[in-house]
PDB file of N, CA and C in Angstrom:
ATOM      1  N   MET A   1     -19.510  -3.650   9.092  1.00  0.00           N
ATOM      2  CA  MET A   1     -17.770  -3.522   9.554  1.00  0.00           C
ATOM      3  C   MET A   1     -17.424  -2.963   7.861  1.00  0.00           C
ATOM      4  N   ASP A   2     -17.503  -3.967   7.332  1.00  0.00           N
ATOM      5  CA  ASP A   2     -17.292  -3.970   6.198  1.00  0.00           C
ATOM      6  C   ASP A   2     -17.162  -2.558   5.109  1.00  0.00           C
ATOM      7  N   GLY A   3     -18.843  -2.432   5.068  1.00  0.00           N
ATOM      8  CA  GLY A   3     -18.806  -1.422   4.230  1.00  0.00           C
ATOM      9  C   GLY A   3     -18.097   0.025   5.228  1.00  0.00           C
ATOM     10  N   THR A   4     -18.081   0.401   6.203  1.00  0.00           N
ATOM     11  CA  THR A   4     -17.413   1.813   6.176  1.00  0.00           C
ATOM     12  C   THR A   4     -16.019   1.291   6.230  1.00  0.00           C
ATOM     13  N   LEU A   5     -15.496   0.247   6.398  1.00  0.00           N
ATOM     14  CA  LEU A   5     -14.577   0.918   5.893  1.00  0.00           C
ATOM     15  C   LEU A   5     -14.202   1.123   3.480  1.00  0.00           C
ATOM     16  N   LYS A   6     -15.211   0.490   3.369  1.00  0.00           N
ATOM     17  CA  LYS A   6     -14.944   0.781   1.994  1.00  0.00           C
ATOM     18  C   LYS A   6     -15.288   2.028   2.253  1.00  0.00           C
ATOM     19  N   GLN A   7     -16.243   3.008   2.718  1.00  0.00           N
ATOM     20  CA  GLN A   7     -16.570   4.178   2.778  1.00  0.00           C
ATOM     21  C   GLN A   7     -15.677   4.794   3.094  1.00  0.00           C
ATOM     22  N   GLN A   8     -14.708   4.698   3.545  1.00  0.00           N
ATOM     23  CA  GLN A   8     -13.311   5.693   4.008  1.00  0.00           C
ATOM     24  C   GLN A   8     -12.755   5.404   3.323  1.00  0.00           C
ATOM     25  N   MET A   9     -12.309   4.504   2.723  1.00  0.00           N
ATOM     26  CA  MET A   9     -11.098   3.892   1.732  1.00  0.00           C
ATOM     27  C   MET A   9     -11.980   4.760  -0.120  1.00  0.00           C
ATOM     28  N   ASP A  10     -13.049   4.706  -0.711  1.00  0.00           N
ATOM     29  CA  ASP A  10     -13.439   5.399  -1.074  1.00  0.00           C
ATOM     30  C   ASP A  10     -13.445   6.680  -0.477  1.00  0.00           C
ATOM     31  N   ASN A  11     -13.580   7.623   0.370  1.00  0.00           N
ATOM     32  CA  ASN A  11     -13.626   8.856   0.875  1.00  0.00           C
ATOM     33  C   ASN A  11     -11.793   9.756   0.550  1.00  0.00           C
ATOM     34  N   VAL A  12     -11.175   8.325   0.451  1.00  0.00           N
ATOM     35  CA  VAL A  12      -9.193   8.764   0.243  1.00  0.00           C
ATOM     36  C   VAL A  12      -9.481   9.651   2.086  1.00  0.00           C
ATOM     37  N   TYR A  13      -9.677   9.057   3.349  1.00  0.00           N
ATOM     38  CA  TYR A  13      -8.794   8.908   4.308  1.00  0.00           C
ATOM     39  C   TYR A  13      -6.649   9.220   4.173  1.00  0.00           C
ATOM     40  N   LYS A  14      -6.755   9.689   5.017  1.00  0.00           N
ATOM     41  CA  LYS A  14      -5.869  10.504   4.749  1.00  0.00           C
ATOM     42  C   LYS A  14      -4.642  10.178   5.672  1.00  0.00           C
ATOM     43  N   LEU A  15      -4.937   9.682   6.605  1.00  0.00           N
ATOM     44  CA  LEU A  15      -4.108   8.686   8.344  1.00  0.00           C
ATOM     45  C   LEU A  15      -5.540   7.998   8.327  1.00  0.00           C
ATOM     46  N   TYR A  16      -4.550   6.550   8.546  1.00  0.00           N
ATOM     47  CA  TYR A  16      -5.268   5.419   9.197  1.00  0.00           C
ATOM     48  C   TYR A  16      -4.270   5.195  10.164  1.00  0.00           C
ATOM     49  N   TRP A  17      -4.536   5.415  11.442  1.00  0.00           N
ATOM     50  CA  TRP A  17      -3.198   4.474  12.281  1.00  0.00           C
ATOM     51  C   TRP A  17      -3.705   3.498  13.363  1.00  0.00           C
ATOM     52  N   ILE A  18      -2.545   2.430  13.290  1.00  0.00           N
ATOM     53  CA  ILE A  18      -3.143   1.351  14.689  1.00  0.00           C
ATOM     54  C   ILE A  18      -1.747   1.072  15.015  1.00  0.00           C
ATOM     55  N   GLY A  19      -1.437   1.278  16.925  1.00  0.00           N
ATOM     56  CA  GLY A  19      -0.784   0.758  17.720  1.00  0.00           C
ATOM     57  C   GLY A  19      -1.790  -0.222  18.071  1.00  0.00           C
ATOM     58  N   ILE A  20      -0.461  -1.573  19.033  1.00  0.00           N
ATOM     59  CA  ILE A  20      -1.059  -2.347  20.816  1.00  0.00           C
ATOM     60  C   ILE A  20      -0.016  -3.267  21.169  1.00  0.00           C
ATOM     61  N   GLY A  21       0.036  -3.414  21.025  1.00  0.00           N
ATOM     62  CA  GLY A  21       1.649  -3.741  22.372  1.00  0.00           C
ATOM     63  C   GLY A  21       1.564  -5.498  22.205  1.00  0.00           C
ATOM     64  N   LYS A  22       2.586  -6.038  21.913  1.00  0.00           N
ATOM     65  CA  LYS A  22       2.604  -7.271  21.660  1.00  0.00           C
ATOM     66  C   LYS A  22       1.604  -7.861  22.412  1.00  0.00           C
ATOM     67  N   PRO A  23       1.733  -8.106  24.515  1.00  0.00           N
ATOM     68  CA  PRO A  23       0.733  -8.366  24.353  1.00  0.00           C
ATOM     69  C   PRO A  23      -0.205  -8.564  24.851  1.00  0.00           C
ATOM     70  N   ASP A  24      -0.902  -6.659  25.204  1.00  0.00           N
ATOM     71  CA  ASP A  24      -2.026  -6.397  24.945  1.00  0.00           C
ATOM     72  C   ASP A  24      -3.169  -7.842  24.255  1.00  0.00           C
ATOM     73  N   PHE A  25      -4.468  -7.644  25.449  1.00  0.00           N
ATOM     74  CA  PHE A  25      -5.153  -9.351  25.442  1.00  0.00           C
ATOM     75  C   PHE A  25      -5.818  -8.470  24.476  1.00  0.00           C
ATOM     76  N   LEU A  26      -6.115  -6.939  23.077  1.00  0.00           N
ATOM     77  CA  LEU A  26      -6.746  -7.373  21.944  1.00  0.00           C
ATOM     78  C   LEU A  26      -5.835  -7.093  20.890  1.00  0.00           C
ATOM     79  N   TYR A  27      -4.726  -8.136  20.872  1.00  0.00           N
ATOM     80  CA  TYR A  27      -3.685  -8.529  20.351  1.00  0.00           C
ATOM     81  C   TYR A  27      -3.614  -9.585  18.320  1.00  0.00           C
ATOM     82  N   ASP A  28      -4.489  -9.765  19.175  1.00  0.00           N
ATOM     83  CA  ASP A  28      -5.534 -11.629  18.490  1.00  0.00           C
ATOM     84  C   ASP A  28      -6.104 -10.590  16.896  1.00  0.00           C
ATOM     85  N   ALA A  29      -7.081  -9.791  18.358  1.00  0.00           N
ATOM     86  CA  ALA A  29      -7.703  -9.193  17.264  1.00  0.00           C
ATOM     87  C   ALA A  29      -8.246  -7.847  16.549  1.00  0.00           C
ATOM     88  N   ASN A  30      -6.883  -7.414  16.658  1.00  0.00           N
ATOM     89  CA  ASN A  30      -6.558  -6.571  16.158  1.00  0.00           C
ATOM     90  C   ASN A  30      -5.223  -6.501  15.146  1.00  0.00           C
ATOM     91  N   LYS A  31      -4.862  -8.020  14.936  1.00  0.00           N
ATOM     92  CA  LYS A  31      -4.593  -9.018  13.842  1.00  0.00           C
ATOM     93  C   LYS A  31      -4.717  -9.317  12.507  1.00  0.00           C
ATOM     94  N   GLU A  32      -6.103  -9.737  13.737  1.00  0.00           N
ATOM     95  CA  GLU A  32      -7.449 -10.466  12.444  1.00  0.00           C
ATOM     96  C   GLU A  32      -7.851  -9.048  11.370  1.00  0.00           C
ATOM     97  N   TYR A  33      -8.166  -7.816  11.924  1.00  0.00           N
ATOM     98  CA  TYR A  33      -8.301  -6.620  11.610  1.00  0.00           C
ATOM     99  C   TYR A  33      -7.769  -6.725  10.979  1.00  0.00           C
ATOM    100  N   ARG A  34      -5.813  -6.061  11.124  1.00  0.00           N
ATOM    101  CA  ARG A  34      -4.698  -6.321   9.933  1.00  0.00           C
ATOM    102  C   ARG A  34      -5.515  -7.110   8.477  1.00  0.00           C
ATOM    103  N   ALA A  35      -5.632  -8.349   8.840  1.00  0.00           N
ATOM    104  CA  ALA A  35      -5.668  -8.858   7.994  1.00  0.00           C
ATOM    105  C   ALA A  35      -6.777  -8.938   7.151  1.00  0.00           C
ATOM    106  N   LYS A  36      -7.639  -8.043   7.788  1.00  0.00           N
ATOM    107  CA  LYS A  36      -9.256  -7.493   6.128  1.00  0.00           C
ATOM    108  C   LYS A  36      -8.630  -6.661   6.513  1.00  0.00           C
ATOM    109  N   LEU A  37      -8.039  -5.865   6.620  1.00  0.00           N
ATOM    110  CA  LEU A  37      -7.816  -4.230   6.143  1.00  0.00           C
ATOM    111  C   LEU A  37      -6.704  -4.851   4.427  1.00  0.00           C
ATOM    112  N   ASN A  38      -5.448  -5.167   4.919  1.00  0.00           N
ATOM    113  CA  ASN A  38      -4.920  -5.990   3.847  1.00  0.00           C
ATOM    114  C   ASN A  38      -5.871  -6.835   2.769  1.00  0.00           C
ATOM    115  N   SER A  39      -6.620  -7.270   3.048  1.00  0.00           N
ATOM    116  CA  SER A  39      -7.303  -8.435   2.190  1.00  0.00           C
ATOM    117  C   SER A  39      -7.964  -6.966   1.178  1.00  0.00           C
ATOM    118  N   MET A  40      -8.080  -5.908   1.947  1.00  0.00           N
ATOM    119  CA  MET A  40      -9.723  -4.826   1.529  1.00  0.00           C
ATOM    120  C   MET A  40      -8.257  -4.034   0.603  1.00  0.00           C
ATOM    121  N   GLY A  41      -6.610  -3.476   0.735  1.00  0.00           N
ATOM    122  CA  GLY A  41      -5.346  -3.096   0.040  1.00  0.00           C
ATOM    123  C   GLY A  41      -5.651  -1.613   1.182  1.00  0.00           C
ATOM    124  N   MET A  42      -6.677  -1.902   2.251  1.00  0.00           N
ATOM    125  CA  MET A  42      -6.950  -0.691   2.731  1.00  0.00           C
ATOM    126  C   MET A  42      -5.270  -0.635   3.010  1.00  0.00           C
ATOM    127  N   LYS A  43      -4.728   1.019   3.499  1.00  0.00           N
ATOM    128  CA  LYS A  43      -3.169   1.159   3.396  1.00  0.00           C
ATOM    129  C   LYS A  43      -3.863   2.181   5.195  1.00  0.00           C
ATOM    130  N   TYR A  44      -2.810   1.426   6.096  1.00  0.00           N
ATOM    131  CA  TYR A  44      -2.136   2.116   7.336  1.00  0.00           C
ATOM    132  C   TYR A  44      -1.927   2.388   7.318  1.00  0.00           C
ATOM    133  N   ALA A  45      -0.798   3.068   8.876  1.00  0.00           N
ATOM    134  CA  ALA A  45       0.032   3.120   9.625  1.00  0.00           C
ATOM    135  C   ALA A  45       0.485   2.388  10.209  1.00  0.00           C
ATOM    136  N   TYR A  46       0.747   1.390  10.666  1.00  0.00           N
ATOM    137  CA  TYR A  46       1.523   0.840  12.614  1.00  0.00           C
ATOM    138  C   TYR A  46       2.237   0.150  13.498  1.00  0.00           C
ATOM    139  N   THR A  47       2.418   0.811  14.304  1.00  0.00           N
ATOM    140  CA  THR A  47       3.135   0.480  16.037  1.00  0.00           C
ATOM    141  C   THR A  47       2.939  -1.066  15.677  1.00  0.00           C
ATOM    142  N   GLU A  48       3.999  -1.768  16.686  1.00  0.00           N
ATOM    143  CA  GLU A  48       4.069  -2.682  17.145  1.00  0.00           C
ATOM    144  C   GLU A  48       5.175  -2.117  18.690  1.00  0.00           C
ATOM    145  N   THR A  49       4.479  -2.765  19.946  1.00  0.00           N
ATOM    146  CA  THR A  49       5.898  -2.217  21.042  1.00  0.00           C
ATOM    147  C   THR A  49       5.486  -2.920  22.027  1.00  0.00           C
ATOM    148  N   ASN A  50       6.343  -3.381  22.776  1.00  0.00           N
ATOM    149  CA  ASN A  50       6.407  -4.356  24.462  1.00  0.00           C
ATOM    150  C   ASN A  50       5.176  -3.934  25.367  1.00  0.00           C
ATOM    151  N   GLY A  51       4.910  -4.479  25.964  1.00  0.00           N
ATOM    152  CA  GLY A  51       3.967  -3.822  27.198  1.00  0.00           C
ATOM    153  C   GLY A  51       2.344  -4.053  26.413  1.00  0.00           C
ATOM    154  N   GLY A  52       1.382  -4.592  27.758  1.00  0.00           N
ATOM    155  CA  GLY A  52       0.051  -4.392  26.761  1.00  0.00           C
ATOM    156  C   GLY A  52      -0.837  -3.473  26.908  1.00  0.00           C
ATOM    157  N   HIS A  53      -1.639  -3.108  27.489  1.00  0.00           N
ATOM    158  CA  HIS A  53      -2.833  -2.346  27.078  1.00  0.00           C
ATOM    159  C   HIS A  53      -2.421  -1.062  28.290  1.00  0.00           C
ATOM    160  N   ILE A  54      -1.396  -0.269  28.318  1.00  0.00           N
ATOM    161  CA  ILE A  54      -0.839   0.619  29.672  1.00  0.00           C
ATOM    162  C   ILE A  54      -0.988   2.042  29.341  1.00  0.00           C
ATOM    163  N   TRP A  55      -1.084   2.757  30.412  1.00  0.00           N
ATOM    164  CA  TRP A  55      -0.241   4.194  29.760  1.00  0.00           C
ATOM    165  C   TRP A  55       1.025   4.211  29.190  1.00  0.00           C
ATOM    166  N   ARG A  56       1.158   3.661  29.454  1.00  0.00           N
ATOM    167  CA  ARG A  56       2.966   3.992  29.181  1.00  0.00           C
ATOM    168  C   ARG A  56       3.148   3.688  27.487  1.00  0.00           C
ATOM    169  N   ASN A  57       2.521   3.017  27.067  1.00  0.00           N
ATOM    170  CA  ASN A  57       2.057   2.603  25.185  1.00  0.00           C
ATOM    171  C   ASN A  57       1.518   4.034  25.106  1.00  0.00           C
ATOM    172  N   TRP A  58       0.712   3.824  25.586  1.00  0.00           N
ATOM    173  CA  TRP A  58      -0.451   5.428  25.765  1.00  0.00           C
ATOM    174  C   TRP A  58       0.794   6.399  25.293  1.00  0.00           C
ATOM    175  N   ARG A  59       0.977   6.203  25.444  1.00  0.00           N
ATOM    176  CA  ARG A  59       2.368   7.691  25.628  1.00  0.00           C
ATOM    177  C   ARG A  59       3.192   7.958  24.259  1.00  0.00           C
ATOM    178  N   ILE A  60       3.641   6.891  24.066  1.00  0.00           N
ATOM    179  CA  ILE A  60       4.350   6.629  22.385  1.00  0.00           C
ATOM    180  C   ILE A  60       4.032   6.152  22.203  1.00  0.00           C
ATOM    181  N   TYR A  61       2.478   5.989  22.178  1.00  0.00           N
ATOM    182  CA  TYR A  61       1.318   5.628  20.343  1.00  0.00           C
ATOM    183  C   TYR A  61       1.477   7.545  20.406  1.00  0.00           C
ATOM    184  N   LEU A  62       0.968   8.926  20.772  1.00  0.00           N
ATOM    185  CA  LEU A  62       0.400   9.270  20.838  1.00  0.00           C
ATOM    186  C   LEU A  62       1.886  10.270  20.509  1.00  0.00           C
ATOM    187  N   SER A  63       2.782  10.580  20.814  1.00  0.00           N
ATOM    188  CA  SER A  63       4.495  11.192  20.870  1.00  0.00           C
ATOM    189  C   SER A  63       4.095  10.746  18.730  1.00  0.00           C
ATOM    190  N   GLU A  64       3.654   9.539  18.321  1.00  0.00           N
ATOM    191  CA  GLU A  64       4.276   9.257  17.073  1.00  0.00           C
ATOM    192  C   GLU A  64       3.190   9.317  15.907  1.00  0.00           C
ATOM    193  N   PHE A  65       1.910   9.579  16.789  1.00  0.00           N
ATOM    194  CA  PHE A  65       0.646   9.890  16.002  1.00  0.00           C
ATOM    195  C   PHE A  65       0.113  11.245  15.996  1.00  0.00           C
ATOM    196  N   VAL A  66       0.469  11.992  17.067  1.00  0.00           N
ATOM    197  CA  VAL A  66      -0.403  13.294  16.760  1.00  0.00           C
ATOM    198  C   VAL A  66       0.559  14.473  15.479  1.00  0.00           C
ATOM    199  N   PRO A  67       1.488  14.157  15.664  1.00  0.00           N
ATOM    200  CA  PRO A  67       2.407  14.725  14.596  1.00  0.00           C
ATOM    201  C   PRO A  67       1.814  14.384  12.703  1.00  0.00           C
ATOM    202  N   LEU A  68       1.533  13.305  12.596  1.00  0.00           N
ATOM    203  CA  LEU A  68       0.983  13.001  11.778  1.00  0.00           C
ATOM    204  C   LEU A  68       0.721  13.786  10.975  1.00  0.00           C
ATOM    205  N   LEU A  69      -1.251  13.879  12.356  1.00  0.00           N
ATOM    206  CA  LEU A  69      -2.120  14.686  11.763  1.00  0.00           C
ATOM    207  C   LEU A  69      -1.655  15.728  10.915  1.00  0.00           C
ATOM    208  N   PHE A  70      -0.691  16.413  11.749  1.00  0.00           N
ATOM    209  CA  PHE A  70      -0.153  18.142  10.802  1.00  0.00           C
ATOM    210  C   PHE A  70       0.561  17.985   9.729  1.00  0.00           C
ATOM    211  N   LYS A  71       0.587  16.568   8.939  1.00  0.00           N
ATOM    212  CA  LYS A  71       1.405  17.230   8.142  1.00  0.00           C
ATOM    213  C   LYS A  71       0.717  17.773   6.722  1.00  0.00           C
TER     214      LYS A  71
END
């Protein structure tokens, strides 16, 4: 995975976006992943919400993320 992330950095990606709910079952793994990105100096946008891995959060994330694709 480190090689893929390095390649993405080298290709000058325009947007790397992460969203997660605080009680999400993947929260700890996400926290470790963000620590890896930070240690590599990889820039990303991050959104943290209440609620777990639920549709309501996905709707919030989509409403924030999709407009960024067209900037």
